[in-house]
Amino acid sequence: MLPASNRLRLGQDFSRTTKTGHRATSNLLVLYFLTHEQLPLAPQVGLIINKSVGGSVTRHRIARQLRHAMASHLTELPAHTQVVIRVLKNNPDYREDLAQLIVKVIKRTGAHQ
């Protein structure tokens, strides 16, 4: 589970990250990544899971899986970072795609701790 300090909650934060952040995509996920000195010190993560992915139970299961997977990747993210994960398709396991996208976007942006 993600600690409260690592959760992205405000709509304006989601908008800023998805519109101005760097993007990495796979068949299952889109990862938006924004780093800026004015953002909170602790990395923050938000999820976007549309109804087209599945019903309420399915979307909540996916959210739990992704929050759990992101908790283990928080140490890889630099400070002052916001990440938004958009789910494109229903899948039993997102861990591998998520890990690859995180590495891809960090390398592309040159961001490091």
C-alpha atoms as a PDB file:
ATOM      1  CA  MET A   1       0.000   0.000   0.000  1.00  0.00           C
ATOM      2  CA  LEU A   2       1.170   3.515  -0.753  1.00  0.00           C
ATOM      3  CA  PRO A   3       1.657   5.817   2.241  1.00  0.00           C
ATOM      4  CA  ALA A   4      -0.598   8.910   2.295  1.00  0.00           C
ATOM      5  CA  SER A   5       2.368  11.196   1.567  1.00  0.00           C
ATOM      6  CA  ASN A   6       2.971   9.317  -1.698  1.00  0.00           C
ATOM      7  CA  ARG A   7      -0.564   9.571  -3.077  1.00  0.00           C
ATOM      8  CA  LEU A   8      -1.481  12.055  -5.764  1.00  0.00           C
ATOM      9  CA  ARG A   9      -4.965  13.389  -5.018  1.00  0.00           C
ATOM     10  CA  LEU A  10      -5.624  16.785  -6.582  1.00  0.00           C
ATOM     11  CA  GLY A  11      -7.109  17.081 -10.055  1.00  0.00           C
ATOM     12  CA  GLN A  12      -4.749  19.925 -10.931  1.00  0.00           C
ATOM     13  CA  ASP A  13      -1.775  17.674 -10.123  1.00  0.00           C
ATOM     14  CA  PHE A  14      -3.157  14.934 -12.394  1.00  0.00           C
ATOM     15  CA  SER A  15      -3.729  17.478 -15.186  1.00  0.00           C
ATOM     16  CA  ARG A  16      -0.276  19.056 -14.870  1.00  0.00           C
ATOM     17  CA  THR A  17       1.465  15.668 -14.870  1.00  0.00           C
ATOM     18  CA  THR A  18      -0.462  14.205 -17.805  1.00  0.00           C
ATOM     19  CA  LYS A  19      -0.229  17.364 -19.920  1.00  0.00           C
ATOM     20  CA  THR A  20       3.367  18.475 -19.270  1.00  0.00           C
ATOM     21  CA  GLY A  21       5.121  15.343 -18.008  1.00  0.00           C
ATOM     22  CA  HIS A  22       7.146  12.820 -19.961  1.00  0.00           C
ATOM     23  CA  ARG A  23       5.247   9.777 -21.186  1.00  0.00           C
ATOM     24  CA  ALA A  24       6.126   6.118 -21.617  1.00  0.00           C
ATOM     25  CA  THR A  25       3.651   3.600 -23.017  1.00  0.00           C
ATOM     26  CA  SER A  26       3.095  -0.121 -23.263  1.00  0.00           C
ATOM     27  CA  ASN A  27       0.137  -2.144 -24.517  1.00  0.00           C
ATOM     28  CA  LEU A  28      -1.372  -2.108 -21.011  1.00  0.00           C
ATOM     29  CA  LEU A  29      -0.279   1.147 -19.366  1.00  0.00           C
ATOM     30  CA  VAL A  30       0.704   4.749 -19.959  1.00  0.00           C
ATOM     31  CA  LEU A  31       3.062   6.257 -17.393  1.00  0.00           C
ATOM     32  CA  TYR A  32       3.313  10.047 -17.073  1.00  0.00           C
ATOM     33  CA  PHE A  33       6.342  11.360 -15.189  1.00  0.00           C
ATOM     34  CA  LEU A  34       6.949  14.930 -13.999  1.00  0.00           C
ATOM     35  CA  THR A  35       9.903  16.189 -11.964  1.00  0.00           C
ATOM     36  CA  HIS A  36      10.099  19.750 -10.700  1.00  0.00           C
ATOM     37  CA  GLU A  37      11.785  21.364  -7.684  1.00  0.00           C
ATOM     38  CA  GLN A  38       8.494  22.955  -6.561  1.00  0.00           C
ATOM     39  CA  LEU A  39       6.739  19.600  -6.193  1.00  0.00           C
ATOM     40  CA  PRO A  40       6.612  17.892  -2.773  1.00  0.00           C
ATOM     41  CA  LEU A  41       9.806  16.128  -1.709  1.00  0.00           C
ATOM     42  CA  ALA A  42       8.260  12.634  -1.519  1.00  0.00           C
ATOM     43  CA  PRO A  43       7.390  11.042  -4.886  1.00  0.00           C
ATOM     44  CA  GLN A  44       3.633  11.012  -5.499  1.00  0.00           C
ATOM     45  CA  VAL A  45       1.667   8.465  -7.525  1.00  0.00           C
ATOM     46  CA  GLY A  46      -1.831   8.666  -8.993  1.00  0.00           C
ATOM     47  CA  LEU A  47      -3.949   6.215 -10.987  1.00  0.00           C
ATOM     48  CA  ILE A  48      -6.413   6.671 -13.842  1.00  0.00           C
ATOM     49  CA  ILE A  49      -8.566   3.613 -14.524  1.00  0.00           C
ATOM     50  CA  ASN A  50     -11.497   4.260 -16.857  1.00  0.00           C
ATOM     51  CA  LYS A  51     -14.767   2.341 -16.878  1.00  0.00           C
ATOM     52  CA  SER A  52     -13.835   0.893 -20.265  1.00  0.00           C
ATOM     53  CA  VAL A  53     -11.264  -1.303 -18.442  1.00  0.00           C
ATOM     54  CA  GLY A  54     -13.979  -3.067 -16.457  1.00  0.00           C
ATOM     55  CA  GLY A  55     -16.561  -2.795 -13.732  1.00  0.00           C
ATOM     56  CA  SER A  56     -16.044  -1.371 -10.272  1.00  0.00           C
ATOM     57  CA  VAL A  57     -14.682  -4.583  -8.758  1.00  0.00           C
ATOM     58  CA  THR A  58     -12.197  -5.001 -11.605  1.00  0.00           C
ATOM     59  CA  ARG A  59     -11.024  -1.374 -11.420  1.00  0.00           C
ATOM     60  CA  HIS A  60     -10.531  -1.564  -7.650  1.00  0.00           C
ATOM     61  CA  ARG A  61      -8.570  -4.826  -7.984  1.00  0.00           C
ATOM     62  CA  ILE A  62      -6.311  -3.214 -10.570  1.00  0.00           C
ATOM     63  CA  ALA A  63      -5.842  -0.131  -8.365  1.00  0.00           C
ATOM     64  CA  ARG A  64      -4.796  -2.295  -5.409  1.00  0.00           C
ATOM     65  CA  GLN A  65      -2.331  -4.226  -7.582  1.00  0.00           C
ATOM     66  CA  LEU A  66      -0.782  -1.059  -8.995  1.00  0.00           C
ATOM     67  CA  ARG A  67      -0.536   0.701  -5.617  1.00  0.00           C
ATOM     68  CA  HIS A  68       1.177  -2.373  -4.182  1.00  0.00           C
ATOM     69  CA  ALA A  69       3.561  -2.606  -7.151  1.00  0.00           C
ATOM     70  CA  MET A  70       4.388   1.117  -6.999  1.00  0.00           C
ATOM     71  CA  ALA A  71       5.164   0.928  -3.275  1.00  0.00           C
ATOM     72  CA  SER A  72       8.167  -1.253  -4.100  1.00  0.00           C
ATOM     73  CA  HIS A  73       9.342   1.226  -6.794  1.00  0.00           C
ATOM     74  CA  LEU A  74       9.169   4.396  -4.674  1.00  0.00           C
ATOM     75  CA  THR A  75      12.857   4.175  -3.805  1.00  0.00           C
ATOM     76  CA  GLU A  76      13.736   4.232  -7.530  1.00  0.00           C
ATOM     77  CA  LEU A  77      11.919   7.522  -8.088  1.00  0.00           C
ATOM     78  CA  PRO A  78      13.762  10.792  -7.590  1.00  0.00           C
ATOM     79  CA  ALA A  79      12.521  13.387  -5.094  1.00  0.00           C
ATOM     80  CA  HIS A  80      10.071  16.063  -6.323  1.00  0.00           C
ATOM     81  CA  THR A  81       8.406  13.614  -8.722  1.00  0.00           C
ATOM     82  CA  GLN A  82       4.797  12.982  -9.655  1.00  0.00           C
ATOM     83  CA  VAL A  83       3.766   9.854 -11.556  1.00  0.00           C
ATOM     84  CA  VAL A  84       0.353   9.135 -13.063  1.00  0.00           C
ATOM     85  CA  ILE A  85      -0.431   5.644 -14.328  1.00  0.00           C
ATOM     86  CA  ARG A  86      -3.240   5.279 -16.877  1.00  0.00           C
ATOM     87  CA  VAL A  87      -4.552   1.743 -17.369  1.00  0.00           C
ATOM     88  CA  LEU A  88      -5.466   0.919 -20.972  1.00  0.00           C
ATOM     89  CA  LYS A  89      -6.461  -2.757 -20.723  1.00  0.00           C
ATOM     90  CA  ASN A  90      -7.452  -5.286 -18.096  1.00  0.00           C
ATOM     91  CA  ASN A  91      -4.643  -7.744 -17.313  1.00  0.00           C
ATOM     92  CA  PRO A  92      -3.979 -10.148 -14.427  1.00  0.00           C
ATOM     93  CA  ASP A  93      -0.519  -8.706 -13.723  1.00  0.00           C
ATOM     94  CA  TYR A  94       0.971  -5.282 -14.452  1.00  0.00           C
ATOM     95  CA  ARG A  95       4.235  -5.582 -12.501  1.00  0.00           C
ATOM     96  CA  GLU A  96       6.544  -6.309 -15.434  1.00  0.00           C
ATOM     97  CA  ASP A  97       5.083  -3.562 -17.654  1.00  0.00           C
ATOM     98  CA  LEU A  98       5.221  -1.095 -14.791  1.00  0.00           C
ATOM     99  CA  ALA A  99       8.858  -1.864 -13.955  1.00  0.00           C
ATOM    100  CA  GLN A 100       9.883  -1.493 -17.609  1.00  0.00           C
ATOM    101  CA  LEU A 101       8.052   1.820 -17.991  1.00  0.00           C
ATOM    102  CA  ILE A 102       9.619   3.268 -14.841  1.00  0.00           C
ATOM    103  CA  VAL A 103      13.124   2.404 -16.040  1.00  0.00           C
ATOM    104  CA  LYS A 104      12.317   3.705 -19.527  1.00  0.00           C
ATOM    105  CA  VAL A 105      10.997   7.092 -18.374  1.00  0.00           C
ATOM    106  CA  ILE A 106      13.776   7.659 -15.826  1.00  0.00           C
ATOM    107  CA  LYS A 107      16.423   6.944 -18.476  1.00  0.00           C
ATOM    108  CA  ARG A 108      14.672   9.137 -21.025  1.00  0.00           C
ATOM    109  CA  THR A 109      14.361  12.105 -18.673  1.00  0.00           C
ATOM    110  CA  GLY A 110      17.796  11.718 -17.114  1.00  0.00           C
ATOM    111  CA  ALA A 111      16.164  11.953 -13.686  1.00  0.00           C
ATOM    112  CA  HIS A 112      17.982  10.271 -10.824  1.00  0.00           C
ATOM    113  CA  GLN A 113      18.052  10.483  -7.072  1.00  0.00           C
END
